[in-house]
Amino acid sequence: MFIQKATINELHSLSELFDLYRVFYEQPSNFKGAKEFLRERLVNEESVVFIALDEDDSLGFVQLYPSFSSISMQRSWILNDLFVKESARKKGVGEKLLQAAITFAEETGANGVSLETGKENANAQRLYERFGFVKESNYFYHYSI
């Protein structure tokens, strides 16, 4: 298994994983929509995606979006998506993807990586806490349009 920064060349494999990720979060499968969404992110350099591969099999991915901190006047990254397909779980794929994201953030001079996960996703919470992520007590708000 190896981790690499995804390019347009991995779009098909990445789209399959992304569609499975959305289904995991109870969204209807939409491979075509997933592929177009990811194509836009990659072509416009709006996100950074790392993909885990094992020969010809795609195992998982992590997607980061750039952000900036006005207080520290530094870049930060939002870890928006981390997914490992079911057949590859409990094999260290998530850990390697998370480490790739952290290493990338360090290499870009970021002040940190932020993420949000569901309160029922205990497996993800344990992974993040093992890596040193700290649960914050901030209030998050969202305005739906």
C-alpha atoms as a PDB file:
ATOM      1  CA  MET A   1       0.000   0.000   0.000  1.00  0.00           C
ATOM      2  CA  PHE A   2       1.164   3.505  -0.756  1.00  0.00           C
ATOM      3  CA  ILE A   3      -0.240   7.001  -0.395  1.00  0.00           C
ATOM      4  CA  GLN A   4       0.048   9.593  -3.140  1.00  0.00           C
ATOM      5  CA  LYS A   5      -1.306  13.023  -3.873  1.00  0.00           C
ATOM      6  CA  ALA A   6      -4.232  12.489  -6.230  1.00  0.00           C
ATOM      7  CA  THR A   7      -4.231  14.020  -9.685  1.00  0.00           C
ATOM      8  CA  ILE A   8      -6.732  13.992 -12.502  1.00  0.00           C
ATOM      9  CA  ASN A   9      -5.215  10.598 -13.447  1.00  0.00           C
ATOM     10  CA  GLU A  10      -6.783   9.036 -10.332  1.00  0.00           C
ATOM     11  CA  LEU A  11     -10.160  10.701 -10.881  1.00  0.00           C
ATOM     12  CA  HIS A  12     -12.090   7.509 -11.666  1.00  0.00           C
ATOM     13  CA  SER A  13     -10.794   5.562  -8.638  1.00  0.00           C
ATOM     14  CA  LEU A  14     -11.148   8.581  -6.405  1.00  0.00           C
ATOM     15  CA  SER A  15     -14.729   9.143  -7.585  1.00  0.00           C
ATOM     16  CA  GLU A  16     -15.652   5.560  -6.708  1.00  0.00           C
ATOM     17  CA  LEU A  17     -14.317   6.077  -3.182  1.00  0.00           C
ATOM     18  CA  PHE A  18     -15.989   9.476  -2.875  1.00  0.00           C
ATOM     19  CA  ASP A  19     -19.336   8.005  -3.908  1.00  0.00           C
ATOM     20  CA  LEU A  20     -18.969   5.258  -1.267  1.00  0.00           C
ATOM     21  CA  TYR A  21     -18.073   7.935   1.293  1.00  0.00           C
ATOM     22  CA  ARG A  22     -21.242   9.871   0.525  1.00  0.00           C
ATOM     23  CA  VAL A  23     -23.335   6.690   0.745  1.00  0.00           C
ATOM     24  CA  PHE A  24     -21.722   6.029   4.164  1.00  0.00           C
ATOM     25  CA  TYR A  25     -23.182   9.395   5.209  1.00  0.00           C
ATOM     26  CA  GLU A  26     -26.617   8.331   3.934  1.00  0.00           C
ATOM     27  CA  GLN A  27     -26.543  10.251   0.670  1.00  0.00           C
ATOM     28  CA  PRO A  28     -27.841   8.649  -2.529  1.00  0.00           C
ATOM     29  CA  SER A  29     -25.203   7.164  -4.791  1.00  0.00           C
ATOM     30  CA  ASN A  30     -24.261   9.567  -7.575  1.00  0.00           C
ATOM     31  CA  PHE A  31     -21.034   8.526  -9.281  1.00  0.00           C
ATOM     32  CA  LYS A  32     -21.405  11.067 -12.089  1.00  0.00           C
ATOM     33  CA  GLY A  33     -21.936  13.907  -9.617  1.00  0.00           C
ATOM     34  CA  ALA A  34     -19.041  12.719  -7.452  1.00  0.00           C
ATOM     35  CA  LYS A  35     -16.741  12.625 -10.461  1.00  0.00           C
ATOM     36  CA  GLU A  36     -17.697  16.138 -11.577  1.00  0.00           C
ATOM     37  CA  PHE A  37     -17.362  17.522  -8.051  1.00  0.00           C
ATOM     38  CA  LEU A  38     -13.876  16.058  -7.656  1.00  0.00           C
ATOM     39  CA  ARG A  39     -12.833  17.068 -11.171  1.00  0.00           C
ATOM     40  CA  GLU A  40     -13.644  20.695 -10.319  1.00  0.00           C
ATOM     41  CA  ARG A  41     -11.709  20.536  -7.039  1.00  0.00           C
ATOM     42  CA  LEU A  42      -8.632  19.022  -8.701  1.00  0.00           C
ATOM     43  CA  VAL A  43      -8.604  21.108 -11.887  1.00  0.00           C
ATOM     44  CA  ASN A  44      -9.193  24.371 -10.004  1.00  0.00           C
ATOM     45  CA  GLU A  45      -6.756  23.352  -7.241  1.00  0.00           C
ATOM     46  CA  GLU A  46      -9.454  23.998  -4.640  1.00  0.00           C
ATOM     47  CA  SER A  47      -8.550  20.991  -2.517  1.00  0.00           C
ATOM     48  CA  VAL A  48      -5.711  18.589  -1.931  1.00  0.00           C
ATOM     49  CA  VAL A  49      -6.519  14.895  -1.979  1.00  0.00           C
ATOM     50  CA  PHE A  50      -4.352  11.954  -0.987  1.00  0.00           C
ATOM     51  CA  ILE A  51      -5.364   8.486  -2.136  1.00  0.00           C
ATOM     52  CA  ALA A  52      -4.311   5.117  -0.721  1.00  0.00           C
ATOM     53  CA  LEU A  53      -3.563   2.531  -3.380  1.00  0.00           C
ATOM     54  CA  ASP A  54      -2.608  -1.127  -3.313  1.00  0.00           C
ATOM     55  CA  GLU A  55      -1.474  -2.068  -6.800  1.00  0.00           C
ATOM     56  CA  ASP A  56      -4.633  -1.445  -8.872  1.00  0.00           C
ATOM     57  CA  ASP A  57      -7.013  -1.204  -5.919  1.00  0.00           C
ATOM     58  CA  SER A  58      -7.986   2.124  -4.343  1.00  0.00           C
ATOM     59  CA  LEU A  59      -8.422   1.796  -0.576  1.00  0.00           C
ATOM     60  CA  GLY A  60      -9.263   5.232   0.756  1.00  0.00           C
ATOM     61  CA  PHE A  61      -8.725   8.969   0.547  1.00  0.00           C
ATOM     62  CA  VAL A  62      -8.399  12.136   2.568  1.00  0.00           C
ATOM     63  CA  GLN A  63      -9.413  15.567   1.254  1.00  0.00           C
ATOM     64  CA  LEU A  64      -8.147  18.883   2.601  1.00  0.00           C
ATOM     65  CA  TYR A  65      -9.480  22.351   1.901  1.00  0.00           C
ATOM     66  CA  PRO A  66      -7.363  25.458   2.461  1.00  0.00           C
ATOM     67  CA  SER A  67      -8.313  28.032   5.031  1.00  0.00           C
ATOM     68  CA  PHE A  68      -6.538  30.900   6.755  1.00  0.00           C
ATOM     69  CA  SER A  69      -6.349  32.151  10.301  1.00  0.00           C
ATOM     70  CA  SER A  70      -6.602  35.916  10.660  1.00  0.00           C
ATOM     71  CA  ILE A  71      -5.405  35.710  14.267  1.00  0.00           C
ATOM     72  CA  SER A  72      -2.190  33.809  13.518  1.00  0.00           C
ATOM     73  CA  MET A  73      -1.931  35.135   9.953  1.00  0.00           C
ATOM     74  CA  GLN A  74      -1.199  31.607   8.748  1.00  0.00           C
ATOM     75  CA  ARG A  75      -2.666  29.020   6.457  1.00  0.00           C
ATOM     76  CA  SER A  76      -4.626  26.203   8.007  1.00  0.00           C
ATOM     77  CA  TRP A  77      -6.242  23.139   6.462  1.00  0.00           C
ATOM     78  CA  ILE A  78      -9.704  21.709   6.927  1.00  0.00           C
ATOM     79  CA  LEU A  79      -9.753  17.942   6.801  1.00  0.00           C
ATOM     80  CA  ASN A  80     -13.193  17.641   5.299  1.00  0.00           C
ATOM     81  CA  ASP A  81     -13.225  14.013   4.184  1.00  0.00           C
ATOM     82  CA  LEU A  82     -11.451  10.847   5.323  1.00  0.00           C
ATOM     83  CA  PHE A  83     -12.734   7.515   4.076  1.00  0.00           C
ATOM     84  CA  VAL A  84     -11.462   3.951   3.917  1.00  0.00           C
ATOM     85  CA  LYS A  85     -13.561   1.407   2.102  1.00  0.00           C
ATOM     86  CA  GLU A  86     -14.905  -1.352   4.258  1.00  0.00           C
ATOM     87  CA  SER A  87     -12.658  -4.139   2.924  1.00  0.00           C
ATOM     88  CA  ALA A  88      -9.543  -2.097   3.805  1.00  0.00           C
ATOM     89  CA  ARG A  89     -10.482  -1.043   7.335  1.00  0.00           C
ATOM     90  CA  LYS A  90      -8.442  -2.079  10.379  1.00  0.00           C
ATOM     91  CA  LYS A  91      -5.305  -2.310   8.203  1.00  0.00           C
ATOM     92  CA  GLY A  92      -3.708   1.059   8.944  1.00  0.00           C
ATOM     93  CA  VAL A  93      -5.013   2.838   5.838  1.00  0.00           C
ATOM     94  CA  GLY A  94      -6.765   5.599   7.784  1.00  0.00           C
ATOM     95  CA  GLU A  95      -3.661   6.189   9.889  1.00  0.00           C
ATOM     96  CA  LYS A  96      -1.456   6.524   6.820  1.00  0.00           C
ATOM     97  CA  LEU A  97      -3.889   8.898   5.130  1.00  0.00           C
ATOM     98  CA  LEU A  98      -4.143  11.022   8.261  1.00  0.00           C
ATOM     99  CA  GLN A  99      -0.367  11.121   8.571  1.00  0.00           C
ATOM    100  CA  ALA A 100      -0.077  12.228   4.928  1.00  0.00           C
ATOM    101  CA  ALA A 101      -2.516  15.073   5.637  1.00  0.00           C
ATOM    102  CA  ILE A 102      -0.591  16.197   8.722  1.00  0.00           C
ATOM    103  CA  THR A 103       2.754  15.992   6.944  1.00  0.00           C
ATOM    104  CA  PHE A 104       1.363  18.031   4.054  1.00  0.00           C
ATOM    105  CA  ALA A 105       0.046  20.672   6.470  1.00  0.00           C
ATOM    106  CA  GLU A 106       3.464  20.886   8.122  1.00  0.00           C
ATOM    107  CA  GLU A 107       5.211  21.170   4.747  1.00  0.00           C
ATOM    108  CA  THR A 108       2.953  24.057   3.723  1.00  0.00           C
ATOM    109  CA  GLY A 109       3.652  26.017   6.901  1.00  0.00           C
ATOM    110  CA  ALA A 110       0.120  25.645   8.210  1.00  0.00           C
ATOM    111  CA  ASN A 111      -0.714  26.316  11.830  1.00  0.00           C
ATOM    112  CA  GLY A 112      -2.863  23.198  12.016  1.00  0.00           C
ATOM    113  CA  VAL A 113      -5.554  20.931  10.669  1.00  0.00           C
ATOM    114  CA  SER A 114      -9.188  21.208  11.711  1.00  0.00           C
ATOM    115  CA  LEU A 115     -11.905  18.630  11.263  1.00  0.00           C
ATOM    116  CA  GLU A 116     -15.403  17.743  12.261  1.00  0.00           C
ATOM    117  CA  THR A 117     -16.913  14.305  12.623  1.00  0.00           C
ATOM    118  CA  GLY A 118     -20.246  12.914  13.717  1.00  0.00           C
ATOM    119  CA  LYS A 119     -20.688  12.385  17.447  1.00  0.00           C
ATOM    120  CA  GLU A 120     -21.651   8.762  16.735  1.00  0.00           C
ATOM    121  CA  ASN A 121     -18.467   8.059  14.732  1.00  0.00           C
ATOM    122  CA  ALA A 122     -16.457   6.690  17.664  1.00  0.00           C
ATOM    123  CA  ASN A 123     -13.888   4.925  15.458  1.00  0.00           C
ATOM    124  CA  ALA A 124     -12.925   8.183  13.752  1.00  0.00           C
ATOM    125  CA  GLN A 125     -12.835  10.031  17.081  1.00  0.00           C
ATOM    126  CA  ARG A 126     -10.408   7.462  18.525  1.00  0.00           C
ATOM    127  CA  LEU A 127      -8.174   7.752  15.451  1.00  0.00           C
ATOM    128  CA  TYR A 128      -8.059  11.548  15.618  1.00  0.00           C
ATOM    129  CA  GLU A 129      -7.382  11.571  19.350  1.00  0.00           C
ATOM    130  CA  ARG A 130      -4.554   9.013  18.944  1.00  0.00           C
ATOM    131  CA  PHE A 131      -2.922  11.458  16.528  1.00  0.00           C
ATOM    132  CA  GLY A 132      -3.213  14.328  18.990  1.00  0.00           C
ATOM    133  CA  PHE A 133      -6.304  16.124  17.710  1.00  0.00           C
ATOM    134  CA  VAL A 134      -8.035  17.903  20.579  1.00  0.00           C
ATOM    135  CA  LYS A 135     -11.792  18.169  20.842  1.00  0.00           C
ATOM    136  CA  GLU A 136     -12.682  21.840  21.093  1.00  0.00           C
ATOM    137  CA  SER A 137     -15.591  23.366  22.931  1.00  0.00           C
ATOM    138  CA  ASN A 138     -16.309  26.075  20.350  1.00  0.00           C
ATOM    139  CA  TYR A 139     -19.809  26.547  19.068  1.00  0.00           C
ATOM    140  CA  PHE A 140     -20.136  25.915  15.356  1.00  0.00           C
ATOM    141  CA  TYR A 141     -22.956  27.518  13.449  1.00  0.00           C
ATOM    142  CA  HIS A 142     -24.231  26.942   9.933  1.00  0.00           C
ATOM    143  CA  TYR A 143     -26.598  29.046   7.873  1.00  0.00           C
ATOM    144  CA  SER A 144     -28.390  26.930   5.265  1.00  0.00           C
ATOM    145  CA  ILE A 145     -29.344  28.422   1.923  1.00  0.00           C
END
